[in-house]
Amino acid sequence: MTKQHSISIEAEKKLKEKGKLKDVEQKFHEKIEELKKKKYVVEKQPWSEPPTKIKRKIGRLLTLRQPNFPFKMFVLQEVFLEEGKEPEIRLGYYIVSPKTLTEKGELRLVWGQYNPNIPKKDFIHLIRMAQEEGIIDKDF
């Protein structure tokens, strides 16, 4: 059993204990609706001294729940550094916070602070979705 699977089992157990397993679907749905309404994202630029924050316009958005780990949702966004310039792709994820669940008994989604590890087949699916939406060229 991988560490991720043991975390998934533990998260599911805690959610069942707290009676919040059904609330996970609703929480992710609410997060998707919130993301659709967002026009900008603020990102920290760690290479500047001191680190500064910049506001970037958000373009199109895709989300994908990880089938074998239902407590994580990948987010692929177009982001623009400057108006009229080619967008960049921002790839990240939201995950059920085990800390908040354990300490406060609350169901909360948090933006993943580390690189998004994604199963190969899910990554391919996400790329194909982005191609269908025109976020990434079909010839990619």
N, C-alpha and C. Protein backbone atom coordinates (compact mmCIF):
# COMPACT_ATOMS: atom_id res chain seq x y z
N MET A 1 0.85 -1.18 0.00
CA MET A 1 0.00 0.00 0.00
C MET A 1 0.89 1.25 0.00
N THR A 2 0.59 2.18 -0.87
CA THR A 2 1.39 3.40 -0.94
C THR A 2 0.99 4.34 0.18
N LYS A 3 1.85 5.31 0.43
CA LYS A 3 1.56 6.30 1.47
C LYS A 3 0.28 7.06 1.13
N GLN A 4 0.10 7.39 -0.17
CA GLN A 4 -1.09 8.14 -0.58
C GLN A 4 -2.36 7.33 -0.30
N HIS A 5 -2.31 6.01 -0.55
CA HIS A 5 -3.48 5.19 -0.29
C HIS A 5 -3.78 5.12 1.20
N SER A 6 -2.73 5.03 2.03
CA SER A 6 -2.98 4.99 3.48
C SER A 6 -3.54 6.33 3.95
N ILE A 7 -3.09 7.44 3.35
CA ILE A 7 -3.65 8.76 3.70
C ILE A 7 -5.11 8.81 3.28
N SER A 8 -5.42 8.28 2.09
CA SER A 8 -6.80 8.27 1.60
C SER A 8 -7.70 7.48 2.52
N ILE A 9 -7.23 6.31 2.95
CA ILE A 9 -8.01 5.47 3.86
C ILE A 9 -8.22 6.19 5.19
N GLU A 10 -7.16 6.82 5.69
CA GLU A 10 -7.26 7.56 6.96
C GLU A 10 -8.22 8.75 6.83
N ALA A 11 -8.13 9.47 5.70
CA ALA A 11 -9.02 10.61 5.48
C ALA A 11 -10.47 10.15 5.42
N GLU A 12 -10.71 9.07 4.70
CA GLU A 12 -12.07 8.55 4.58
C GLU A 12 -12.60 8.12 5.96
N LYS A 13 -11.76 7.47 6.74
CA LYS A 13 -12.14 7.04 8.09
C LYS A 13 -12.53 8.24 8.96
N LYS A 14 -11.69 9.28 8.93
CA LYS A 14 -11.98 10.48 9.73
C LYS A 14 -13.27 11.17 9.27
N LEU A 15 -13.47 11.23 7.95
CA LEU A 15 -14.68 11.85 7.41
C LEU A 15 -15.92 11.06 7.82
N LYS A 16 -15.82 9.75 7.84
CA LYS A 16 -16.94 8.92 8.28
C LYS A 16 -17.23 9.15 9.76
N GLU A 17 -16.15 9.18 10.56
CA GLU A 17 -16.30 9.41 12.00
C GLU A 17 -16.99 10.74 12.29
N LYS A 18 -16.63 11.75 11.52
CA LYS A 18 -17.18 13.09 11.72
C LYS A 18 -18.54 13.26 11.02
N GLY A 19 -18.96 12.24 10.26
CA GLY A 19 -20.23 12.33 9.53
C GLY A 19 -20.18 13.33 8.38
N LYS A 20 -19.01 13.48 7.77
CA LYS A 20 -18.83 14.49 6.73
C LYS A 20 -18.46 13.91 5.37
N LEU A 21 -18.53 12.60 5.21
CA LEU A 21 -18.14 11.99 3.95
C LEU A 21 -18.99 12.50 2.78
N LYS A 22 -20.29 12.65 2.99
CA LYS A 22 -21.17 13.16 1.93
C LYS A 22 -20.90 14.63 1.63
N ASP A 23 -20.37 15.36 2.60
CA ASP A 23 -20.11 16.79 2.42
C ASP A 23 -18.94 17.06 1.48
N VAL A 24 -18.09 16.06 1.25
CA VAL A 24 -16.92 16.24 0.39
C VAL A 24 -17.34 16.66 -1.01
N GLU A 25 -18.32 15.96 -1.58
CA GLU A 25 -18.80 16.29 -2.92
C GLU A 25 -19.27 17.73 -2.99
N GLN A 26 -20.06 18.14 -2.00
CA GLN A 26 -20.59 19.50 -1.97
C GLN A 26 -19.47 20.53 -1.86
N LYS A 27 -18.47 20.22 -1.03
CA LYS A 27 -17.35 21.15 -0.84
C LYS A 27 -16.59 21.36 -2.15
N PHE A 28 -16.34 20.27 -2.88
CA PHE A 28 -15.64 20.41 -4.16
C PHE A 28 -16.49 21.15 -5.18
N HIS A 29 -17.79 20.89 -5.19
CA HIS A 29 -18.69 21.61 -6.09
C HIS A 29 -18.66 23.11 -5.79
N GLU A 30 -18.71 23.48 -4.51
CA GLU A 30 -18.65 24.90 -4.11
C GLU A 30 -17.33 25.52 -4.55
N LYS A 31 -16.23 24.77 -4.40
CA LYS A 31 -14.91 25.28 -4.79
C LYS A 31 -14.86 25.53 -6.29
N ILE A 32 -15.42 24.63 -7.08
CA ILE A 32 -15.43 24.81 -8.54
C ILE A 32 -16.22 26.07 -8.90
N GLU A 33 -17.36 26.27 -8.28
CA GLU A 33 -18.17 27.47 -8.55
C GLU A 33 -17.41 28.74 -8.16
N GLU A 34 -16.71 28.69 -7.04
CA GLU A 34 -15.90 29.83 -6.59
C GLU A 34 -14.79 30.13 -7.60
N LEU A 35 -14.12 29.08 -8.08
CA LEU A 35 -13.03 29.26 -9.04
C LEU A 35 -13.54 29.85 -10.36
N LYS A 36 -14.72 29.45 -10.78
CA LYS A 36 -15.29 29.97 -12.03
C LYS A 36 -15.54 31.47 -11.94
N LYS A 37 -15.83 31.97 -10.75
CA LYS A 37 -16.13 33.39 -10.56
C LYS A 37 -14.88 34.24 -10.40
N LYS A 38 -13.78 33.61 -10.00
CA LYS A 38 -12.54 34.35 -9.76
C LYS A 38 -11.98 34.92 -11.05
N LYS A 39 -11.55 36.16 -11.00
CA LYS A 39 -10.98 36.82 -12.18
C LYS A 39 -9.46 36.92 -12.10
N TYR A 40 -8.93 36.89 -10.88
CA TYR A 40 -7.49 37.06 -10.68
C TYR A 40 -6.97 36.07 -9.64
N VAL A 41 -5.69 35.79 -9.72
CA VAL A 41 -5.01 34.99 -8.72
C VAL A 41 -3.79 35.81 -8.27
N VAL A 42 -3.47 35.73 -7.00
CA VAL A 42 -2.29 36.41 -6.47
C VAL A 42 -1.23 35.34 -6.20
N GLU A 43 -0.06 35.55 -6.79
CA GLU A 43 1.03 34.59 -6.65
C GLU A 43 2.24 35.26 -6.04
N LYS A 44 2.91 34.52 -5.16
CA LYS A 44 4.15 35.01 -4.56
C LYS A 44 5.29 34.73 -5.52
N GLN A 45 6.13 35.71 -5.75
CA GLN A 45 7.29 35.57 -6.62
C GLN A 45 8.53 35.39 -5.74
N PRO A 46 8.94 34.14 -5.49
CA PRO A 46 10.02 33.90 -4.52
C PRO A 46 11.39 34.35 -4.97
N TRP A 47 11.56 34.62 -6.28
CA TRP A 47 12.90 35.01 -6.76
C TRP A 47 13.21 36.48 -6.50
N SER A 48 12.18 37.27 -6.14
CA SER A 48 12.45 38.67 -5.84
C SER A 48 12.83 38.79 -4.36
N GLU A 49 13.59 39.78 -4.06
CA GLU A 49 14.05 39.97 -2.68
C GLU A 49 13.59 41.33 -2.18
N PRO A 50 12.73 41.46 -1.21
CA PRO A 50 11.99 40.36 -0.59
C PRO A 50 10.94 39.81 -1.56
N PRO A 51 10.43 38.58 -1.29
CA PRO A 51 9.41 38.01 -2.18
C PRO A 51 8.21 38.96 -2.32
N THR A 52 7.79 39.16 -3.56
CA THR A 52 6.64 40.05 -3.79
C THR A 52 5.47 39.23 -4.31
N LYS A 53 4.31 39.83 -4.28
CA LYS A 53 3.11 39.18 -4.79
C LYS A 53 2.65 39.92 -6.04
N ILE A 54 2.22 39.15 -7.04
CA ILE A 54 1.69 39.77 -8.24
C ILE A 54 0.29 39.22 -8.51
N LYS A 55 -0.52 40.08 -9.09
CA LYS A 55 -1.90 39.73 -9.42
C LYS A 55 -1.93 39.35 -10.89
N ARG A 56 -2.42 38.15 -11.19
CA ARG A 56 -2.48 37.66 -12.57
C ARG A 56 -3.92 37.37 -12.94
N LYS A 57 -4.29 37.78 -14.15
CA LYS A 57 -5.63 37.52 -14.67
C LYS A 57 -5.78 36.04 -15.00
N ILE A 58 -6.94 35.48 -14.67
CA ILE A 58 -7.23 34.08 -14.95
C ILE A 58 -8.05 33.99 -16.23
N GLY A 59 -7.68 33.06 -17.09
CA GLY A 59 -8.46 32.78 -18.30
C GLY A 59 -9.35 31.57 -18.05
N ARG A 60 -9.26 30.62 -18.95
CA ARG A 60 -10.09 29.42 -18.83
C ARG A 60 -9.60 28.50 -17.71
N LEU A 61 -10.50 27.63 -17.28
CA LEU A 61 -10.26 26.79 -16.11
C LEU A 61 -10.78 25.38 -16.36
N LEU A 62 -10.04 24.37 -15.90
CA LEU A 62 -10.48 22.98 -15.89
C LEU A 62 -10.23 22.39 -14.51
N THR A 63 -11.09 21.48 -14.09
CA THR A 63 -10.86 20.76 -12.84
C THR A 63 -11.04 19.27 -13.09
N LEU A 64 -10.35 18.46 -12.31
CA LEU A 64 -10.45 17.01 -12.41
C LEU A 64 -10.20 16.42 -11.03
N ARG A 65 -11.19 15.69 -10.53
CA ARG A 65 -11.01 14.97 -9.27
C ARG A 65 -10.18 13.72 -9.55
N GLN A 66 -9.27 13.41 -8.67
CA GLN A 66 -8.43 12.23 -8.85
C GLN A 66 -9.24 10.99 -8.47
N PRO A 67 -9.52 10.12 -9.45
CA PRO A 67 -10.39 8.97 -9.20
C PRO A 67 -9.94 8.05 -8.06
N ASN A 68 -8.64 7.79 -7.95
CA ASN A 68 -8.18 6.88 -6.90
C ASN A 68 -7.84 7.58 -5.59
N PHE A 69 -8.09 8.88 -5.52
CA PHE A 69 -7.88 9.66 -4.29
C PHE A 69 -8.92 10.78 -4.30
N PRO A 70 -10.18 10.46 -3.93
CA PRO A 70 -11.29 11.40 -4.11
C PRO A 70 -11.24 12.65 -3.23
N PHE A 71 -10.18 12.82 -2.47
CA PHE A 71 -10.06 13.98 -1.60
C PHE A 71 -9.13 15.03 -2.19
N LYS A 72 -8.81 14.87 -3.50
CA LYS A 72 -7.92 15.80 -4.20
C LYS A 72 -8.53 16.15 -5.56
N MET A 73 -8.44 17.43 -5.93
CA MET A 73 -8.94 17.91 -7.21
C MET A 73 -7.87 18.75 -7.88
N PHE A 74 -7.51 18.37 -9.11
CA PHE A 74 -6.53 19.12 -9.87
C PHE A 74 -7.20 20.32 -10.53
N VAL A 75 -6.45 21.39 -10.65
CA VAL A 75 -6.93 22.61 -11.29
C VAL A 75 -5.91 23.02 -12.34
N LEU A 76 -6.39 23.24 -13.56
CA LEU A 76 -5.56 23.73 -14.65
C LEU A 76 -6.17 25.06 -15.08
N GLN A 77 -5.36 26.11 -15.04
CA GLN A 77 -5.84 27.46 -15.39
C GLN A 77 -4.90 28.11 -16.38
N GLU A 78 -5.51 28.94 -17.22
CA GLU A 78 -4.72 29.87 -18.03
C GLU A 78 -4.51 31.09 -17.14
N VAL A 79 -3.29 31.59 -17.09
CA VAL A 79 -3.02 32.83 -16.35
C VAL A 79 -2.21 33.75 -17.23
N PHE A 80 -2.48 35.03 -17.11
CA PHE A 80 -1.83 36.04 -17.94
C PHE A 80 -0.97 36.93 -17.07
N LEU A 81 0.30 37.05 -17.42
CA LEU A 81 1.19 37.96 -16.72
C LEU A 81 0.92 39.39 -17.18
N GLU A 82 0.74 39.54 -18.48
CA GLU A 82 0.43 40.85 -19.06
C GLU A 82 -0.67 40.69 -20.08
N GLU A 83 -1.53 41.69 -20.17
CA GLU A 83 -2.63 41.68 -21.14
C GLU A 83 -2.07 41.59 -22.55
N GLY A 84 -2.66 40.74 -23.37
CA GLY A 84 -2.23 40.62 -24.76
C GLY A 84 -1.09 39.65 -24.98
N LYS A 85 -0.43 39.20 -23.92
CA LYS A 85 0.66 38.23 -24.06
C LYS A 85 0.10 36.82 -23.98
N GLU A 86 0.87 35.86 -24.50
CA GLU A 86 0.44 34.47 -24.46
C GLU A 86 0.29 34.01 -23.00
N PRO A 87 -0.78 33.29 -22.71
CA PRO A 87 -0.99 32.84 -21.32
C PRO A 87 -0.04 31.72 -20.94
N GLU A 88 0.13 31.56 -19.65
CA GLU A 88 0.87 30.44 -19.10
C GLU A 88 -0.15 29.47 -18.52
N ILE A 89 0.27 28.25 -18.25
CA ILE A 89 -0.59 27.25 -17.64
C ILE A 89 -0.20 27.14 -16.16
N ARG A 90 -1.19 27.24 -15.31
CA ARG A 90 -0.99 27.06 -13.88
C ARG A 90 -1.66 25.74 -13.50
N LEU A 91 -0.89 24.81 -12.95
CA LEU A 91 -1.41 23.51 -12.57
C LEU A 91 -1.21 23.33 -11.07
N GLY A 92 -2.28 23.05 -10.38
CA GLY A 92 -2.20 22.86 -8.94
C GLY A 92 -3.32 21.94 -8.48
N TYR A 93 -3.55 21.93 -7.18
CA TYR A 93 -4.61 21.07 -6.67
C TYR A 93 -5.15 21.60 -5.35
N TYR A 94 -6.39 21.20 -5.07
CA TYR A 94 -7.01 21.41 -3.77
C TYR A 94 -7.15 20.04 -3.13
N ILE A 95 -7.00 20.00 -1.81
CA ILE A 95 -7.08 18.75 -1.08
C ILE A 95 -7.82 18.99 0.23
N VAL A 96 -8.51 17.96 0.71
CA VAL A 96 -9.15 18.05 2.02
C VAL A 96 -8.04 18.18 3.05
N SER A 97 -8.15 19.18 3.91
CA SER A 97 -7.11 19.42 4.92
C SER A 97 -7.24 18.40 6.06
N PRO A 98 -6.26 17.49 6.16
CA PRO A 98 -6.33 16.52 7.25
C PRO A 98 -6.14 17.18 8.62
N LYS A 99 -5.35 18.24 8.67
CA LYS A 99 -5.09 18.94 9.93
C LYS A 99 -6.37 19.58 10.47
N THR A 100 -7.09 20.31 9.62
CA THR A 100 -8.32 20.97 10.04
C THR A 100 -9.37 19.92 10.42
N LEU A 101 -9.41 18.84 9.67
CA LEU A 101 -10.36 17.78 9.95
C LEU A 101 -10.08 17.13 11.30
N THR A 102 -8.80 16.86 11.57
CA THR A 102 -8.41 16.22 12.82
C THR A 102 -8.55 17.15 14.02
N GLU A 103 -8.02 18.37 13.88
CA GLU A 103 -7.98 19.29 15.02
C GLU A 103 -9.32 19.96 15.32
N LYS A 104 -10.06 20.34 14.26
CA LYS A 104 -11.29 21.09 14.46
C LYS A 104 -12.55 20.33 14.06
N GLY A 105 -12.38 19.20 13.40
CA GLY A 105 -13.52 18.43 12.94
C GLY A 105 -14.24 19.10 11.78
N GLU A 106 -13.56 20.04 11.11
CA GLU A 106 -14.16 20.77 10.00
C GLU A 106 -13.62 20.27 8.67
N LEU A 107 -14.50 20.29 7.68
CA LEU A 107 -14.11 19.92 6.33
C LEU A 107 -13.70 21.19 5.60
N ARG A 108 -12.43 21.25 5.20
CA ARG A 108 -11.90 22.43 4.53
C ARG A 108 -10.98 21.99 3.40
N LEU A 109 -11.10 22.68 2.27
CA LEU A 109 -10.20 22.43 1.16
C LEU A 109 -9.07 23.45 1.19
N VAL A 110 -7.86 22.98 0.95
CA VAL A 110 -6.70 23.88 0.93
C VAL A 110 -5.95 23.70 -0.38
N TRP A 111 -5.35 24.79 -0.86
CA TRP A 111 -4.52 24.75 -2.07
C TRP A 111 -3.26 23.98 -1.74
N GLY A 112 -2.92 22.98 -2.56
CA GLY A 112 -1.72 22.18 -2.33
C GLY A 112 -0.48 23.04 -2.39
N GLN A 113 0.38 22.88 -1.41
CA GLN A 113 1.56 23.73 -1.35
C GLN A 113 2.78 23.10 -2.02
N TYR A 114 2.64 21.88 -2.48
CA TYR A 114 3.75 21.20 -3.13
C TYR A 114 3.40 20.89 -4.58
N ASN A 115 4.36 20.36 -5.32
CA ASN A 115 4.09 20.03 -6.72
C ASN A 115 2.95 19.02 -6.81
N PRO A 116 2.12 19.14 -7.83
CA PRO A 116 0.99 18.21 -7.96
C PRO A 116 1.42 16.87 -8.55
N ASN A 117 1.41 15.84 -7.75
CA ASN A 117 1.67 14.49 -8.27
C ASN A 117 0.35 13.97 -8.81
N ILE A 118 0.35 13.56 -10.06
CA ILE A 118 -0.88 13.15 -10.73
C ILE A 118 -0.63 11.85 -11.47
N PRO A 119 -1.55 10.88 -11.34
CA PRO A 119 -1.37 9.64 -12.10
C PRO A 119 -1.29 9.93 -13.60
N LYS A 120 -0.49 9.14 -14.31
CA LYS A 120 -0.27 9.38 -15.74
C LYS A 120 -1.58 9.45 -16.52
N LYS A 121 -2.49 8.50 -16.30
CA LYS A 121 -3.73 8.48 -17.07
C LYS A 121 -4.59 9.71 -16.77
N ASP A 122 -4.54 10.21 -15.53
CA ASP A 122 -5.29 11.42 -15.19
C ASP A 122 -4.67 12.65 -15.84
N PHE A 123 -3.32 12.67 -15.90
CA PHE A 123 -2.63 13.78 -16.56
C PHE A 123 -2.99 13.82 -18.04
N ILE A 124 -2.97 12.66 -18.68
CA ILE A 124 -3.32 12.59 -20.10
C ILE A 124 -4.76 13.04 -20.31
N HIS A 125 -5.65 12.60 -19.42
CA HIS A 125 -7.06 13.01 -19.51
C HIS A 125 -7.19 14.53 -19.35
N LEU A 126 -6.46 15.09 -18.41
CA LEU A 126 -6.51 16.54 -18.17
C LEU A 126 -5.98 17.30 -19.39
N ILE A 127 -4.90 16.83 -19.99
CA ILE A 127 -4.35 17.46 -21.19
C ILE A 127 -5.35 17.39 -22.34
N ARG A 128 -5.98 16.23 -22.50
CA ARG A 128 -7.00 16.10 -23.57
C ARG A 128 -8.17 17.05 -23.33
N MET A 129 -8.59 17.19 -22.08
CA MET A 129 -9.65 18.14 -21.77
C MET A 129 -9.23 19.56 -22.14
N ALA A 130 -7.97 19.90 -21.83
CA ALA A 130 -7.46 21.23 -22.15
C ALA A 130 -7.40 21.44 -23.66
N GLN A 131 -7.09 20.41 -24.40
CA GLN A 131 -7.09 20.50 -25.87
C GLN A 131 -8.50 20.72 -26.39
N GLU A 132 -9.47 20.00 -25.85
CA GLU A 132 -10.86 20.15 -26.28
C GLU A 132 -11.39 21.55 -25.99
N GLU A 133 -10.93 22.15 -24.89
CA GLU A 133 -11.36 23.50 -24.51
C GLU A 133 -10.56 24.59 -25.23
N GLY A 134 -9.51 24.19 -25.96
CA GLY A 134 -8.70 25.16 -26.68
C GLY A 134 -7.66 25.84 -25.82
N ILE A 135 -7.47 25.36 -24.60
CA ILE A 135 -6.45 25.94 -23.72
C ILE A 135 -5.06 25.54 -24.21
N ILE A 136 -4.95 24.32 -24.71
CA ILE A 136 -3.70 23.81 -25.27
C ILE A 136 -3.98 23.41 -26.72
N ASP A 137 -3.06 23.72 -27.63
CA ASP A 137 -3.23 23.38 -29.03
C ASP A 137 -3.42 21.86 -29.21
N LYS A 138 -4.26 21.50 -30.16
CA LYS A 138 -4.53 20.09 -30.43
C LYS A 138 -3.29 19.39 -30.98
N ASP A 139 -2.37 20.15 -31.58
CA ASP A 139 -1.14 19.57 -32.14
C ASP A 139 -0.07 19.32 -31.08
N PHE A 140 -0.36 19.65 -29.85
CA PHE A 140 0.59 19.52 -28.74
C PHE A 140 1.06 18.10 -28.61
